[in-house]
């Protein structure tokens, strides 16, 4: 364990723990839009900036999500310098994704004036943090979406802007998206993930007949984990009902015996 000081408090952390996680474990709020523990840190949004003073007395600004604690340091997470830098970052993010409620909430929290920088699309929510692309590639392991183009044309999209055959419809991209740019809706027969127009068939429960889960995701579980296919073709509610009935029969037999 390494001892360090954060916002005047003495703390401990295992060697290699990143500063953002160490701060959050102690209830210290550091804003971060591009970070999720399920994937490798990327430091694209630059909101998690903090000041770090090392053992030689050198102070510098670092991204806390990519800074591993390896020696005793002093950390300041909310100085005027840091707040000023975060305001600058948020001003850029508001211009990039004015349609995101989360970006606007953070901007208001830091007193960022609206409208100083022009926005290309008032409905845009994506900040190009890459979380959706990384969770699809690193965690799910299918790479159904990725970055395309450069500069002002850079975006997250599917290969050749066509719905990918490899997409499982798992919704992991929607779950990790910090700004609401990725969203999902479930119809009677299919599961749709926007803004990429991905549509996958929903599996039909063999007990109640309700469509309940993306079929490619269930097929992937059977293929990778070797789970019983028939078990996965039953929705959670019906599995629970069967389990409750089985337990009830056991209890009744126990009382009768």
C-alpha atoms as a PDB file:
ATOM      1  CA  UNK A   1       0.000   0.000   0.000  1.00  0.00           C
ATOM      2  CA  UNK A   2       1.177   3.525  -0.806  1.00  0.00           C
ATOM      3  CA  UNK A   3       0.297   6.493   1.379  1.00  0.00           C
ATOM      4  CA  UNK A   4      -0.543   9.793  -0.268  1.00  0.00           C
ATOM      5  CA  UNK A   5      -2.406  13.026   0.430  1.00  0.00           C
ATOM      6  CA  UNK A   6      -5.532  14.059  -1.470  1.00  0.00           C
ATOM      7  CA  UNK A   7      -7.309  17.350  -0.769  1.00  0.00           C
ATOM      8  CA  UNK A   8      -5.549  17.543   2.608  1.00  0.00           C
ATOM      9  CA  UNK A   9      -6.552  14.007   3.665  1.00  0.00           C
ATOM     10  CA  UNK A  10      -4.106  11.179   4.258  1.00  0.00           C
ATOM     11  CA  UNK A  11      -5.040   8.082   2.274  1.00  0.00           C
ATOM     12  CA  UNK A  12      -3.757   4.712   1.120  1.00  0.00           C
ATOM     13  CA  UNK A  13      -4.018   2.869  -2.170  1.00  0.00           C
ATOM     14  CA  UNK A  14      -2.539  -0.203  -3.767  1.00  0.00           C
ATOM     15  CA  UNK A  15       0.382   0.482  -6.071  1.00  0.00           C
ATOM     16  CA  UNK A  16      -0.833   1.098  -9.620  1.00  0.00           C
ATOM     17  CA  UNK A  17      -4.350   2.249  -8.644  1.00  0.00           C
ATOM     18  CA  UNK A  18      -5.361   5.187 -10.809  1.00  0.00           C
ATOM     19  CA  UNK A  19      -6.044   8.482  -9.063  1.00  0.00           C
ATOM     20  CA  UNK A  20      -9.645   8.723 -10.246  1.00  0.00           C
ATOM     21  CA  UNK A  21     -10.603   5.407  -8.628  1.00  0.00           C
ATOM     22  CA  UNK A  22      -8.661   6.237  -5.468  1.00  0.00           C
ATOM     23  CA  UNK A  23     -10.485   9.566  -5.163  1.00  0.00           C
ATOM     24  CA  UNK A  24     -13.922   8.075  -5.776  1.00  0.00           C
ATOM     25  CA  UNK A  25     -13.306   5.393  -3.159  1.00  0.00           C
ATOM     26  CA  UNK A  26     -12.967   8.252  -0.670  1.00  0.00           C
ATOM     27  CA  UNK A  27     -16.077  10.087  -1.818  1.00  0.00           C
ATOM     28  CA  UNK A  28     -14.143  12.795  -3.682  1.00  0.00           C
ATOM     29  CA  UNK A  29     -16.007  13.796  -6.829  1.00  0.00           C
ATOM     30  CA  UNK A  30     -13.903  14.213  -9.965  1.00  0.00           C
ATOM     31  CA  UNK A  31     -15.910  14.664 -13.180  1.00  0.00           C
ATOM     32  CA  UNK A  32     -15.119  12.182 -15.950  1.00  0.00           C
ATOM     33  CA  UNK A  33     -17.161  11.377 -19.039  1.00  0.00           C
ATOM     34  CA  UNK A  34     -14.835   9.032 -20.927  1.00  0.00           C
ATOM     35  CA  UNK A  35     -13.941   6.684 -18.037  1.00  0.00           C
ATOM     36  CA  UNK A  36     -15.472   3.314 -17.177  1.00  0.00           C
ATOM     37  CA  UNK A  37     -13.768   0.580 -15.113  1.00  0.00           C
ATOM     38  CA  UNK A  38     -14.832  -2.061 -17.648  1.00  0.00           C
ATOM     39  CA  UNK A  39     -12.350  -0.769 -20.251  1.00  0.00           C
ATOM     40  CA  UNK A  40      -8.854   0.667 -20.377  1.00  0.00           C
ATOM     41  CA  UNK A  41      -8.641   4.378 -19.540  1.00  0.00           C
ATOM     42  CA  UNK A  42      -8.432   6.647 -22.574  1.00  0.00           C
ATOM     43  CA  UNK A  43      -8.357  10.223 -21.171  1.00  0.00           C
ATOM     44  CA  UNK A  44     -10.178  11.750 -24.117  1.00  0.00           C
ATOM     45  CA  UNK A  45     -12.588  14.094 -22.340  1.00  0.00           C
ATOM     46  CA  UNK A  46      -9.874  15.716 -20.128  1.00  0.00           C
ATOM     47  CA  UNK A  47     -12.384  16.550 -17.403  1.00  0.00           C
ATOM     48  CA  UNK A  48     -10.673  14.502 -14.695  1.00  0.00           C
ATOM     49  CA  UNK A  49      -7.663  16.826 -14.500  1.00  0.00           C
ATOM     50  CA  UNK A  50      -6.023  17.214 -11.078  1.00  0.00           C
ATOM     51  CA  UNK A  51      -2.815  18.755  -9.699  1.00  0.00           C
ATOM     52  CA  UNK A  52      -0.140  16.326  -8.511  1.00  0.00           C
ATOM     53  CA  UNK A  53       2.974  17.256  -6.522  1.00  0.00           C
ATOM     54  CA  UNK A  54       5.632  14.533  -6.432  1.00  0.00           C
ATOM     55  CA  UNK A  55       8.332  13.818  -3.862  1.00  0.00           C
ATOM     56  CA  UNK A  56      10.724  16.282  -5.547  1.00  0.00           C
ATOM     57  CA  UNK A  57       8.220  19.097  -5.170  1.00  0.00           C
ATOM     58  CA  UNK A  58       7.260  19.307  -8.847  1.00  0.00           C
ATOM     59  CA  UNK A  59       3.612  20.141  -9.475  1.00  0.00           C
ATOM     60  CA  UNK A  60       1.885  19.293 -12.730  1.00  0.00           C
ATOM     61  CA  UNK A  61      -1.592  18.800 -14.126  1.00  0.00           C
ATOM     62  CA  UNK A  62      -2.467  15.191 -15.021  1.00  0.00           C
ATOM     63  CA  UNK A  63      -5.512  13.198 -16.092  1.00  0.00           C
ATOM     64  CA  UNK A  64      -6.444  11.263 -12.960  1.00  0.00           C
ATOM     65  CA  UNK A  65      -7.934   8.310 -14.879  1.00  0.00           C
ATOM     66  CA  UNK A  66      -4.552   7.460 -16.446  1.00  0.00           C
ATOM     67  CA  UNK A  67      -2.274   8.404 -13.537  1.00  0.00           C
ATOM     68  CA  UNK A  68      -1.230   5.313 -11.512  1.00  0.00           C
ATOM     69  CA  UNK A  69      -0.153   5.880  -7.923  1.00  0.00           C
ATOM     70  CA  UNK A  70       3.434   4.607  -7.643  1.00  0.00           C
ATOM     71  CA  UNK A  71       4.909   6.842  -4.952  1.00  0.00           C
ATOM     72  CA  UNK A  72       3.792   9.196  -2.203  1.00  0.00           C
ATOM     73  CA  UNK A  73       2.222  12.262  -3.810  1.00  0.00           C
ATOM     74  CA  UNK A  74       0.048  15.233  -2.902  1.00  0.00           C
ATOM     75  CA  UNK A  75      -3.103  15.645  -4.959  1.00  0.00           C
ATOM     76  CA  UNK A  76      -5.419  18.659  -5.280  1.00  0.00           C
ATOM     77  CA  UNK A  77      -8.652  17.998  -7.145  1.00  0.00           C
ATOM     78  CA  UNK A  78     -10.509  21.307  -6.925  1.00  0.00           C
ATOM     79  CA  UNK A  79      -8.090  24.232  -7.119  1.00  0.00           C
ATOM     80  CA  UNK A  80      -8.948  27.371  -9.058  1.00  0.00           C
ATOM     81  CA  UNK A  81      -6.450  26.332 -11.732  1.00  0.00           C
ATOM     82  CA  UNK A  82      -8.186  22.977 -12.144  1.00  0.00           C
ATOM     83  CA  UNK A  83     -11.659  24.512 -12.180  1.00  0.00           C
ATOM     84  CA  UNK A  84     -10.540  26.985 -14.857  1.00  0.00           C
ATOM     85  CA  UNK A  85      -9.183  24.165 -17.024  1.00  0.00           C
ATOM     86  CA  UNK A  86     -12.383  22.167 -16.597  1.00  0.00           C
ATOM     87  CA  UNK A  87     -14.440  25.187 -17.628  1.00  0.00           C
ATOM     88  CA  UNK A  88     -12.402  25.471 -20.827  1.00  0.00           C
ATOM     89  CA  UNK A  89     -12.916  21.767 -21.556  1.00  0.00           C
ATOM     90  CA  UNK A  90     -16.644  21.992 -20.855  1.00  0.00           C
ATOM     91  CA  UNK A  91     -17.004  24.999 -23.116  1.00  0.00           C
ATOM     92  CA  UNK A  92     -15.582  22.908 -25.954  1.00  0.00           C
ATOM     93  CA  UNK A  93     -17.785  19.926 -25.063  1.00  0.00           C
ATOM     94  CA  UNK A  94     -20.939  22.061 -25.042  1.00  0.00           C
ATOM     95  CA  UNK A  95     -20.079  23.260 -28.531  1.00  0.00           C
ATOM     96  CA  UNK A  96     -19.374  19.672 -29.627  1.00  0.00           C
ATOM     97  CA  UNK A  97     -22.437  18.066 -28.041  1.00  0.00           C
ATOM     98  CA  UNK A  98     -25.041  20.727 -27.206  1.00  0.00           C
ATOM     99  CA  UNK A  99     -27.811  18.120 -27.203  1.00  0.00           C
ATOM    100  CA  UNK A 100     -26.404  16.204 -24.231  1.00  0.00           C
ATOM    101  CA  UNK A 101     -28.149  16.912 -20.935  1.00  0.00           C
ATOM    102  CA  UNK A 102     -25.191  15.556 -18.952  1.00  0.00           C
ATOM    103  CA  UNK A 103     -22.720  17.866 -20.691  1.00  0.00           C
ATOM    104  CA  UNK A 104     -25.017  20.824 -20.103  1.00  0.00           C
ATOM    105  CA  UNK A 105     -25.460  19.843 -16.445  1.00  0.00           C
ATOM    106  CA  UNK A 106     -21.705  19.808 -15.852  1.00  0.00           C
ATOM    107  CA  UNK A 107     -21.293  23.059 -17.753  1.00  0.00           C
ATOM    108  CA  UNK A 108     -23.902  24.747 -15.543  1.00  0.00           C
ATOM    109  CA  UNK A 109     -22.221  23.319 -12.416  1.00  0.00           C
ATOM    110  CA  UNK A 110     -18.938  24.947 -13.432  1.00  0.00           C
ATOM    111  CA  UNK A 111     -20.535  28.208 -14.558  1.00  0.00           C
ATOM    112  CA  UNK A 112     -19.768  27.821 -18.237  1.00  0.00           C
ATOM    113  CA  UNK A 113     -21.607  30.433 -20.351  1.00  0.00           C
ATOM    114  CA  UNK A 114     -23.574  29.013 -23.262  1.00  0.00           C
ATOM    115  CA  UNK A 115     -23.271  30.146 -26.831  1.00  0.00           C
ATOM    116  CA  UNK A 116     -19.713  31.513 -26.837  1.00  0.00           C
ATOM    117  CA  UNK A 117     -18.585  28.862 -29.338  1.00  0.00           C
ATOM    118  CA  UNK A 118     -20.657  27.877 -32.376  1.00  0.00           C
ATOM    119  CA  UNK A 119     -22.230  24.415 -32.486  1.00  0.00           C
ATOM    120  CA  UNK A 120     -22.391  22.388 -35.679  1.00  0.00           C
ATOM    121  CA  UNK A 121     -25.538  20.505 -34.650  1.00  0.00           C
ATOM    122  CA  UNK A 122     -27.822  21.497 -31.776  1.00  0.00           C
ATOM    123  CA  UNK A 123     -29.044  17.923 -31.427  1.00  0.00           C
ATOM    124  CA  UNK A 124     -25.580  16.323 -31.293  1.00  0.00           C
ATOM    125  CA  UNK A 125     -24.856  14.310 -28.124  1.00  0.00           C
ATOM    126  CA  UNK A 126     -21.654  12.436 -28.970  1.00  0.00           C
ATOM    127  CA  UNK A 127     -18.363  13.762 -27.520  1.00  0.00           C
ATOM    128  CA  UNK A 128     -16.223  11.087 -29.258  1.00  0.00           C
ATOM    129  CA  UNK A 129     -15.121   9.656 -25.924  1.00  0.00           C
ATOM    130  CA  UNK A 130     -14.823   6.201 -27.497  1.00  0.00           C
ATOM    131  CA  UNK A 131     -16.415   4.322 -24.594  1.00  0.00           C
ATOM    132  CA  UNK A 132     -18.934   2.578 -26.849  1.00  0.00           C
ATOM    133  CA  UNK A 133     -16.239   1.500 -29.308  1.00  0.00           C
ATOM    134  CA  UNK A 134     -13.899   0.294 -26.557  1.00  0.00           C
ATOM    135  CA  UNK A 135     -16.496  -1.709 -24.637  1.00  0.00           C
ATOM    136  CA  UNK A 136     -17.612  -3.373 -27.889  1.00  0.00           C
ATOM    137  CA  UNK A 137     -14.022  -4.267 -28.815  1.00  0.00           C
ATOM    138  CA  UNK A 138     -12.361  -4.868 -25.435  1.00  0.00           C
ATOM    139  CA  UNK A 139     -15.172  -6.295 -23.305  1.00  0.00           C
ATOM    140  CA  UNK A 140     -17.747  -7.781 -25.681  1.00  0.00           C
ATOM    141  CA  UNK A 141     -15.072  -8.741 -28.198  1.00  0.00           C
ATOM    142  CA  UNK A 142     -16.876  -8.168 -31.494  1.00  0.00           C
ATOM    143  CA  UNK A 143     -15.824  -4.680 -32.697  1.00  0.00           C
ATOM    144  CA  UNK A 144     -19.180  -3.921 -34.253  1.00  0.00           C
ATOM    145  CA  UNK A 145     -18.523  -0.167 -34.134  1.00  0.00           C
ATOM    146  CA  UNK A 146     -15.357   1.932 -34.472  1.00  0.00           C
ATOM    147  CA  UNK A 147     -14.015   5.400 -35.230  1.00  0.00           C
ATOM    148  CA  UNK A 148     -14.044   6.573 -38.832  1.00  0.00           C
ATOM    149  CA  UNK A 149     -12.596   9.611 -40.664  1.00  0.00           C
ATOM    150  CA  UNK A 150     -10.442  12.353 -39.164  1.00  0.00           C
ATOM    151  CA  UNK A 151     -10.637  15.899 -37.897  1.00  0.00           C
ATOM    152  CA  UNK A 152     -14.051  17.529 -37.961  1.00  0.00           C
ATOM    153  CA  UNK A 153     -15.501  14.511 -39.802  1.00  0.00           C
ATOM    154  CA  UNK A 154     -14.460  12.004 -37.126  1.00  0.00           C
ATOM    155  CA  UNK A 155     -17.311   9.875 -35.817  1.00  0.00           C
ATOM    156  CA  UNK A 156     -18.199   6.517 -34.315  1.00  0.00           C
ATOM    157  CA  UNK A 157     -19.951   4.306 -36.811  1.00  0.00           C
ATOM    158  CA  UNK A 158     -20.355   0.785 -38.119  1.00  0.00           C
ATOM    159  CA  UNK A 159     -18.137  -0.689 -40.899  1.00  0.00           C
ATOM    160  CA  UNK A 160     -18.998   1.099 -44.162  1.00  0.00           C
ATOM    161  CA  UNK A 161     -21.920   2.750 -42.321  1.00  0.00           C
ATOM    162  CA  UNK A 162     -23.887  -0.486 -42.676  1.00  0.00           C
ATOM    163  CA  UNK A 163     -25.499  -2.504 -39.844  1.00  0.00           C
ATOM    164  CA  UNK A 164     -22.787  -5.023 -38.840  1.00  0.00           C
ATOM    165  CA  UNK A 165     -23.401  -8.763 -38.898  1.00  0.00           C
ATOM    166  CA  UNK A 166     -21.245  -9.195 -35.767  1.00  0.00           C
ATOM    167  CA  UNK A 167     -23.396  -6.997 -33.510  1.00  0.00           C
ATOM    168  CA  UNK A 168     -24.974  -8.992 -30.671  1.00  0.00           C
ATOM    169  CA  UNK A 169     -27.539  -6.368 -29.745  1.00  0.00           C
ATOM    170  CA  UNK A 170     -26.251  -6.620 -26.164  1.00  0.00           C
ATOM    171  CA  UNK A 171     -26.614  -2.887 -25.504  1.00  0.00           C
ATOM    172  CA  UNK A 172     -23.205  -2.557 -23.794  1.00  0.00           C
ATOM    173  CA  UNK A 173     -22.510   0.537 -25.905  1.00  0.00           C
ATOM    174  CA  UNK A 174     -25.733   2.124 -24.663  1.00  0.00           C
ATOM    175  CA  UNK A 175     -24.961   1.214 -21.049  1.00  0.00           C
ATOM    176  CA  UNK A 176     -21.539   2.926 -20.982  1.00  0.00           C
ATOM    177  CA  UNK A 177     -22.416   5.982 -23.110  1.00  0.00           C
ATOM    178  CA  UNK A 178     -22.075   8.993 -20.767  1.00  0.00           C
ATOM    179  CA  UNK A 179     -24.034  11.512 -22.842  1.00  0.00           C
ATOM    180  CA  UNK A 180     -27.058   9.637 -24.175  1.00  0.00           C
ATOM    181  CA  UNK A 181     -25.751   9.581 -27.737  1.00  0.00           C
ATOM    182  CA  UNK A 182     -26.232   5.814 -27.935  1.00  0.00           C
ATOM    183  CA  UNK A 183     -29.751   4.631 -27.158  1.00  0.00           C
ATOM    184  CA  UNK A 184     -31.879   1.558 -27.601  1.00  0.00           C
ATOM    185  CA  UNK A 185     -35.527   0.794 -28.146  1.00  0.00           C
ATOM    186  CA  UNK A 186     -37.302  -2.532 -28.140  1.00  0.00           C
ATOM    187  CA  UNK A 187     -40.113  -3.313 -30.524  1.00  0.00           C
ATOM    188  CA  UNK A 188     -42.395  -6.318 -30.629  1.00  0.00           C
ATOM    189  CA  UNK A 189     -39.961  -8.371 -32.703  1.00  0.00           C
ATOM    190  CA  UNK A 190     -36.623  -6.569 -32.731  1.00  0.00           C
ATOM    191  CA  UNK A 191     -34.105  -4.699 -30.611  1.00  0.00           C
ATOM    192  CA  UNK A 192     -32.810  -1.469 -32.210  1.00  0.00           C
ATOM    193  CA  UNK A 193     -29.629   0.419 -31.253  1.00  0.00           C
ATOM    194  CA  UNK A 194     -29.231   3.981 -32.487  1.00  0.00           C
ATOM    195  CA  UNK A 195     -27.685   6.040 -34.000  1.00  0.00           C
ATOM    196  CA  UNK A 196     -26.210   3.210 -36.070  1.00  0.00           C
ATOM    197  CA  UNK A 197     -29.499   1.650 -37.123  1.00  0.00           C
ATOM    198  CA  UNK A 198     -28.526  -1.749 -35.722  1.00  0.00           C
ATOM    199  CA  UNK A 199     -31.517  -4.073 -35.514  1.00  0.00           C
ATOM    200  CA  UNK A 200     -31.427  -7.609 -34.135  1.00  0.00           C
ATOM    201  CA  UNK A 201     -34.150 -10.195 -33.671  1.00  0.00           C
ATOM    202  CA  UNK A 202     -35.473 -10.811 -30.167  1.00  0.00           C
ATOM    203  CA  UNK A 203     -35.653 -14.381 -28.879  1.00  0.00           C
ATOM    204  CA  UNK A 204     -39.133 -15.752 -28.172  1.00  0.00           C
ATOM    205  CA  UNK A 205     -39.643 -17.296 -24.730  1.00  0.00           C
ATOM    206  CA  UNK A 206     -40.580 -20.960 -25.067  1.00  0.00           C
ATOM    207  CA  UNK A 207     -42.885 -20.737 -22.056  1.00  0.00           C
ATOM    208  CA  UNK A 208     -44.835 -17.491 -22.324  1.00  0.00           C
ATOM    209  CA  UNK A 209     -44.097 -16.576 -25.949  1.00  0.00           C
ATOM    210  CA  UNK A 210     -42.859 -13.073 -25.108  1.00  0.00           C
ATOM    211  CA  UNK A 211     -39.912 -11.621 -27.029  1.00  0.00           C
ATOM    212  CA  UNK A 212     -37.324 -10.905 -24.341  1.00  0.00           C
ATOM    213  CA  UNK A 213     -33.630 -10.832 -25.379  1.00  0.00           C
ATOM    214  CA  UNK A 214     -31.451 -10.288 -28.481  1.00  0.00           C
ATOM    215  CA  UNK A 215     -31.028 -13.649 -30.219  1.00  0.00           C
ATOM    216  CA  UNK A 216     -27.362 -13.067 -31.292  1.00  0.00           C
ATOM    217  CA  UNK A 217     -26.405 -12.337 -27.667  1.00  0.00           C
ATOM    218  CA  UNK A 218     -27.949 -15.589 -26.461  1.00  0.00           C
ATOM    219  CA  UNK A 219     -26.263 -17.524 -29.284  1.00  0.00           C
ATOM    220  CA  UNK A 220     -22.936 -15.985 -28.215  1.00  0.00           C
ATOM    221  CA  UNK A 221     -23.421 -17.174 -24.623  1.00  0.00           C
ATOM    222  CA  UNK A 222     -24.138 -20.701 -25.829  1.00  0.00           C
ATOM    223  CA  UNK A 223     -21.085 -20.635 -28.114  1.00  0.00           C
ATOM    224  CA  UNK A 224     -18.587 -19.099 -25.680  1.00  0.00           C
ATOM    225  CA  UNK A 225     -19.738 -20.418 -22.315  1.00  0.00           C
ATOM    226  CA  UNK A 226     -21.381 -23.667 -23.304  1.00  0.00           C
ATOM    227  CA  UNK A 227     -24.630 -22.912 -21.469  1.00  0.00           C
ATOM    228  CA  UNK A 228     -27.680 -25.066 -22.135  1.00  0.00           C
ATOM    229  CA  UNK A 229     -29.512 -23.511 -25.130  1.00  0.00           C
ATOM    230  CA  UNK A 230     -32.966 -24.517 -23.920  1.00  0.00           C
ATOM    231  CA  UNK A 231     -32.354 -22.795 -20.564  1.00  0.00           C
ATOM    232  CA  UNK A 232     -31.508 -19.534 -22.312  1.00  0.00           C
ATOM    233  CA  UNK A 233     -34.600 -19.698 -24.504  1.00  0.00           C
ATOM    234  CA  UNK A 234     -36.784 -19.068 -21.443  1.00  0.00           C
ATOM    235  CA  UNK A 235     -37.224 -15.509 -20.141  1.00  0.00           C
ATOM    236  CA  UNK A 236     -36.115 -14.502 -16.663  1.00  0.00           C
ATOM    237  CA  UNK A 237     -39.659 -14.194 -15.312  1.00  0.00           C
ATOM    238  CA  UNK A 238     -40.610 -17.708 -16.437  1.00  0.00           C
ATOM    239  CA  UNK A 239     -37.378 -19.166 -15.047  1.00  0.00           C
ATOM    240  CA  UNK A 240     -38.154 -17.517 -11.725  1.00  0.00           C
ATOM    241  CA  UNK A 241     -41.720 -18.866 -11.769  1.00  0.00           C
ATOM    242  CA  UNK A 242     -40.465 -22.387 -12.448  1.00  0.00           C
ATOM    243  CA  UNK A 243     -37.914 -22.049  -9.639  1.00  0.00           C
ATOM    244  CA  UNK A 244     -40.551 -20.827  -7.162  1.00  0.00           C
ATOM    245  CA  UNK A 245     -42.882 -23.718  -8.075  1.00  0.00           C
ATOM    246  CA  UNK A 246     -40.061 -26.226  -7.652  1.00  0.00           C
ATOM    247  CA  UNK A 247     -39.130 -24.821  -4.249  1.00  0.00           C
ATOM    248  CA  UNK A 248     -42.784 -24.842  -3.214  1.00  0.00           C
ATOM    249  CA  UNK A 249     -43.087 -28.538  -4.137  1.00  0.00           C
ATOM    250  CA  UNK A 250     -39.972 -29.341  -2.121  1.00  0.00           C
ATOM    251  CA  UNK A 251     -41.336 -27.489   0.913  1.00  0.00           C
ATOM    252  CA  UNK A 252     -44.706 -29.257   0.619  1.00  0.00           C
ATOM    253  CA  UNK A 253     -43.012 -32.645   0.397  1.00  0.00           C
ATOM    254  CA  UNK A 254     -40.933 -31.725   3.412  1.00  0.00           C
ATOM    255  CA  UNK A 255     -44.018 -30.818   5.455  1.00  0.00           C
ATOM    256  CA  UNK A 256     -45.863 -33.910   4.302  1.00  0.00           C
ATOM    257  CA  UNK A 257     -42.918 -36.120   5.229  1.00  0.00           C
END
